[in-house]
C-alpha atoms as a PDB file:
ATOM      1  CA  MET A   1       1.037  12.458 -11.753  1.00  0.00           C
ATOM      2  CA  ASP A   2       4.640  12.754 -10.517  1.00  0.00           C
ATOM      3  CA  MET A   3       5.265  10.654  -7.281  1.00  0.00           C
ATOM      4  CA  GLN A   4       9.147  10.315  -7.695  1.00  0.00           C
ATOM      5  CA  GLY A   5      10.775  10.564  -4.062  1.00  0.00           C
ATOM      6  CA  ARG A   6       7.119   9.398  -2.283  1.00  0.00           C
ATOM      7  CA  THR A   7       5.737   6.745  -0.598  1.00  0.00           C
ATOM      8  CA  ALA A   8       2.312   5.050  -0.997  1.00  0.00           C
ATOM      9  CA  PHE A   9       1.232   2.513   1.642  1.00  0.00           C
ATOM     10  CA  ILE A  10      -1.502   0.245   0.133  1.00  0.00           C
ATOM     11  CA  THR A  11      -3.649  -2.137   2.516  1.00  0.00           C
ATOM     12  CA  GLY A  12      -4.565  -5.404  -0.026  1.00  0.00           C
ATOM     13  CA  GLY A  13      -2.007  -4.056  -2.067  1.00  0.00           C
ATOM     14  CA  VAL A  14      -0.691  -7.522  -3.622  1.00  0.00           C
ATOM     15  CA  SER A  15      -4.279  -8.261  -5.518  1.00  0.00           C
ATOM     16  CA  GLY A  16      -7.478  -7.387  -6.778  1.00  0.00           C
ATOM     17  CA  ILE A  17      -8.287  -3.414  -6.644  1.00  0.00           C
ATOM     18  CA  GLY A  18      -5.381  -2.797  -4.124  1.00  0.00           C
ATOM     19  CA  LEU A  19      -2.905  -4.155  -6.672  1.00  0.00           C
ATOM     20  CA  GLY A  20      -4.355  -2.291  -9.431  1.00  0.00           C
ATOM     21  CA  VAL A  21      -3.834   0.707  -7.280  1.00  0.00           C
ATOM     22  CA  ALA A  22      -0.155  -0.095  -6.392  1.00  0.00           C
ATOM     23  CA  GLN A  23       0.772  -0.531  -9.728  1.00  0.00           C
ATOM     24  CA  VAL A  24      -0.801   2.784 -10.875  1.00  0.00           C
ATOM     25  CA  PHE A  25       1.676   4.514  -8.171  1.00  0.00           C
ATOM     26  CA  ALA A  26       4.509   2.366  -8.975  1.00  0.00           C
ATOM     27  CA  GLU A  27       4.056   3.607 -12.604  1.00  0.00           C
ATOM     28  CA  ALA A  28       4.069   7.105 -11.559  1.00  0.00           C
ATOM     29  CA  GLY A  29       7.394   6.480  -9.401  1.00  0.00           C
ATOM     30  CA  ALA A  30       6.054   6.104  -5.953  1.00  0.00           C
ATOM     31  CA  SER A  31       8.049   3.640  -3.361  1.00  0.00           C
ATOM     32  CA  LEU A  32       5.596   1.008  -2.332  1.00  0.00           C
ATOM     33  CA  ILE A  33       4.588  -0.283   0.832  1.00  0.00           C
ATOM     34  CA  LEU A  34       2.006  -3.341   0.456  1.00  0.00           C
ATOM     35  CA  SER A  35       0.079  -5.118   2.819  1.00  0.00           C
ATOM     36  CA  TYR A  36      -1.034  -8.431   2.430  1.00  0.00           C
ATOM     37  CA  ARG A  37      -2.695 -11.921   3.984  1.00  0.00           C
ATOM     38  CA  ASN A  38      -1.909 -14.194   1.680  1.00  0.00           C
ATOM     39  CA  GLU A  39       2.331 -15.270   0.746  1.00  0.00           C
ATOM     40  CA  ALA A  40       1.310 -16.657  -2.585  1.00  0.00           C
ATOM     41  CA  ASP A  41      -0.442 -13.190  -3.606  1.00  0.00           C
ATOM     42  CA  ARG A  42       2.632 -11.385  -2.283  1.00  0.00           C
ATOM     43  CA  VAL A  43       4.791 -13.542  -3.990  1.00  0.00           C
ATOM     44  CA  ALA A  44       2.924 -13.377  -7.593  1.00  0.00           C
ATOM     45  CA  ALA A  45       2.898  -9.302  -6.943  1.00  0.00           C
ATOM     46  CA  GLN A  46       6.600  -9.019  -5.994  1.00  0.00           C
ATOM     47  CA  ARG A  47       7.240 -11.223  -9.428  1.00  0.00           C
ATOM     48  CA  TRP A  48       4.752  -8.545 -11.432  1.00  0.00           C
ATOM     49  CA  PHE A  49       6.742  -5.495 -10.120  1.00  0.00           C
ATOM     50  CA  VAL A  50      10.224  -6.914 -10.580  1.00  0.00           C
ATOM     51  CA  GLU A  51       9.132  -8.345 -14.088  1.00  0.00           C
ATOM     52  CA  SER A  52       7.980  -5.219 -15.022  1.00  0.00           C
ATOM     53  CA  GLY A  53      10.836  -3.180 -14.036  1.00  0.00           C
ATOM     54  CA  PHE A  54       9.724  -1.357 -10.552  1.00  0.00           C
ATOM     55  CA  THR A  55      11.891  -1.607  -7.419  1.00  0.00           C
ATOM     56  CA  SER A  56      10.218  -4.152  -5.626  1.00  0.00           C
ATOM     57  CA  PRO A  57       7.837  -2.912  -2.879  1.00  0.00           C
ATOM     58  CA  ARG A  58       8.301  -3.384   0.737  1.00  0.00           C
ATOM     59  CA  PHE A  59       5.484  -5.885   1.919  1.00  0.00           C
ATOM     60  CA  VAL A  60       4.180  -6.091   5.593  1.00  0.00           C
ATOM     61  CA  LYS A  61       1.903  -9.241   6.241  1.00  0.00           C
ATOM     62  CA  LEU A  62      -1.399  -8.203   8.399  1.00  0.00           C
ATOM     63  CA  ASP A  63      -4.981  -8.075   8.506  1.00  0.00           C
ATOM     64  CA  VAL A  64      -6.329  -4.339   8.846  1.00  0.00           C
ATOM     65  CA  THR A  65      -8.448  -5.595  11.917  1.00  0.00           C
ATOM     66  CA  ASP A  66      -5.255  -6.696  13.720  1.00  0.00           C
ATOM     67  CA  ARG A  67      -3.311  -4.320  15.944  1.00  0.00           C
ATOM     68  CA  ALA A  68      -0.482  -4.815  13.905  1.00  0.00           C
ATOM     69  CA  PHE A  69      -2.289  -2.668  11.140  1.00  0.00           C
ATOM     70  CA  ARG A  70      -2.297   0.103  13.740  1.00  0.00           C
ATOM     71  CA  ARG A  71       1.396   0.145  14.249  1.00  0.00           C
ATOM     72  CA  ALA A  72       2.220  -0.068  10.314  1.00  0.00           C
ATOM     73  CA  ARG A  73      -0.358   2.908   9.890  1.00  0.00           C
ATOM     74  CA  ARG A  74       1.055   4.991  12.475  1.00  0.00           C
ATOM     75  CA  ARG A  75       4.817   4.352  10.700  1.00  0.00           C
ATOM     76  CA  SER A  76       3.144   5.096   7.413  1.00  0.00           C
ATOM     77  CA  ARG A  77       1.960   8.333   8.253  1.00  0.00           C
ATOM     78  CA  LYS A  78       5.071   9.976   6.602  1.00  0.00           C
ATOM     79  CA  SER A  79       4.196   8.566   3.078  1.00  0.00           C
ATOM     80  CA  ALA A  80       2.751  10.701   0.500  1.00  0.00           C
ATOM     81  CA  TYR A  81      -0.579   8.485   0.247  1.00  0.00           C
ATOM     82  CA  SER A  82      -2.047   5.783   2.290  1.00  0.00           C
ATOM     83  CA  CYS A  83      -4.853   3.932   0.469  1.00  0.00           C
ATOM     84  CA  GLU A  84      -6.940   1.577   2.469  1.00  0.00           C
ATOM     85  CA  GLN A  85      -8.901  -1.224   0.692  1.00  0.00           C
ATOM     86  CA  ARG A  86     -11.687  -1.389   3.529  1.00  0.00           C
ATOM     87  CA  GLY A  87     -13.975   0.665   1.225  1.00  0.00           C
ATOM     88  CA  CYS A  88     -10.934   1.757  -0.290  1.00  0.00           C
ATOM     89  CA  GLN A  89     -10.632   5.365   0.955  1.00  0.00           C
ATOM     90  CA  CYS A  90      -7.358   7.190  -0.184  1.00  0.00           C
ATOM     91  CA  VAL A  91      -6.172   9.613   2.584  1.00  0.00           C
ATOM     92  CA  ARG A  92      -4.017  12.551   1.934  1.00  0.00           C
ATOM     93  CA  PRO A  93      -1.365  13.161   4.949  1.00  0.00           C
ATOM     94  CA  ASP A  94      -3.020  16.531   5.539  1.00  0.00           C
ATOM     95  CA  ARG A  95      -6.153  14.617   6.076  1.00  0.00           C
ATOM     96  CA  ARG A  96      -6.382  12.738   9.327  1.00  0.00           C
ATOM     97  CA  SER A  97      -8.032   9.890   9.199  1.00  0.00           C
ATOM     98  CA  THR A  98      -8.479   6.826  12.046  1.00  0.00           C
ATOM     99  CA  LEU A  99      -9.921   3.353  11.994  1.00  0.00           C
ATOM    100  CA  ARG A 100     -12.847   4.454  14.320  1.00  0.00           C
ATOM    101  CA  ARG A 101     -13.826   6.895  11.626  1.00  0.00           C
ATOM    102  CA  LEU A 102     -13.416   4.457   8.558  1.00  0.00           C
END
């Protein structure tokens, strides 16, 4: 999968399944926007990406139940992919998804 020039927005992308998904997208060449809640997890994830030779992702501190998530989600509509860890639903940009449907 070639993701050069594309962006992936991944909620919970600094630990667990979300981090694994982020790593796969990074290996495919995507730019990343990762949300997080825990600062220590963000620091550890950033360290992993830099030490592994990837560009550091952009990080957004938010909770998916918060209004900030909805704002970030609207900004990410230009992303190639959006992976939301609330059930790990991956959505292509041509398929509209809303929080109400998730």
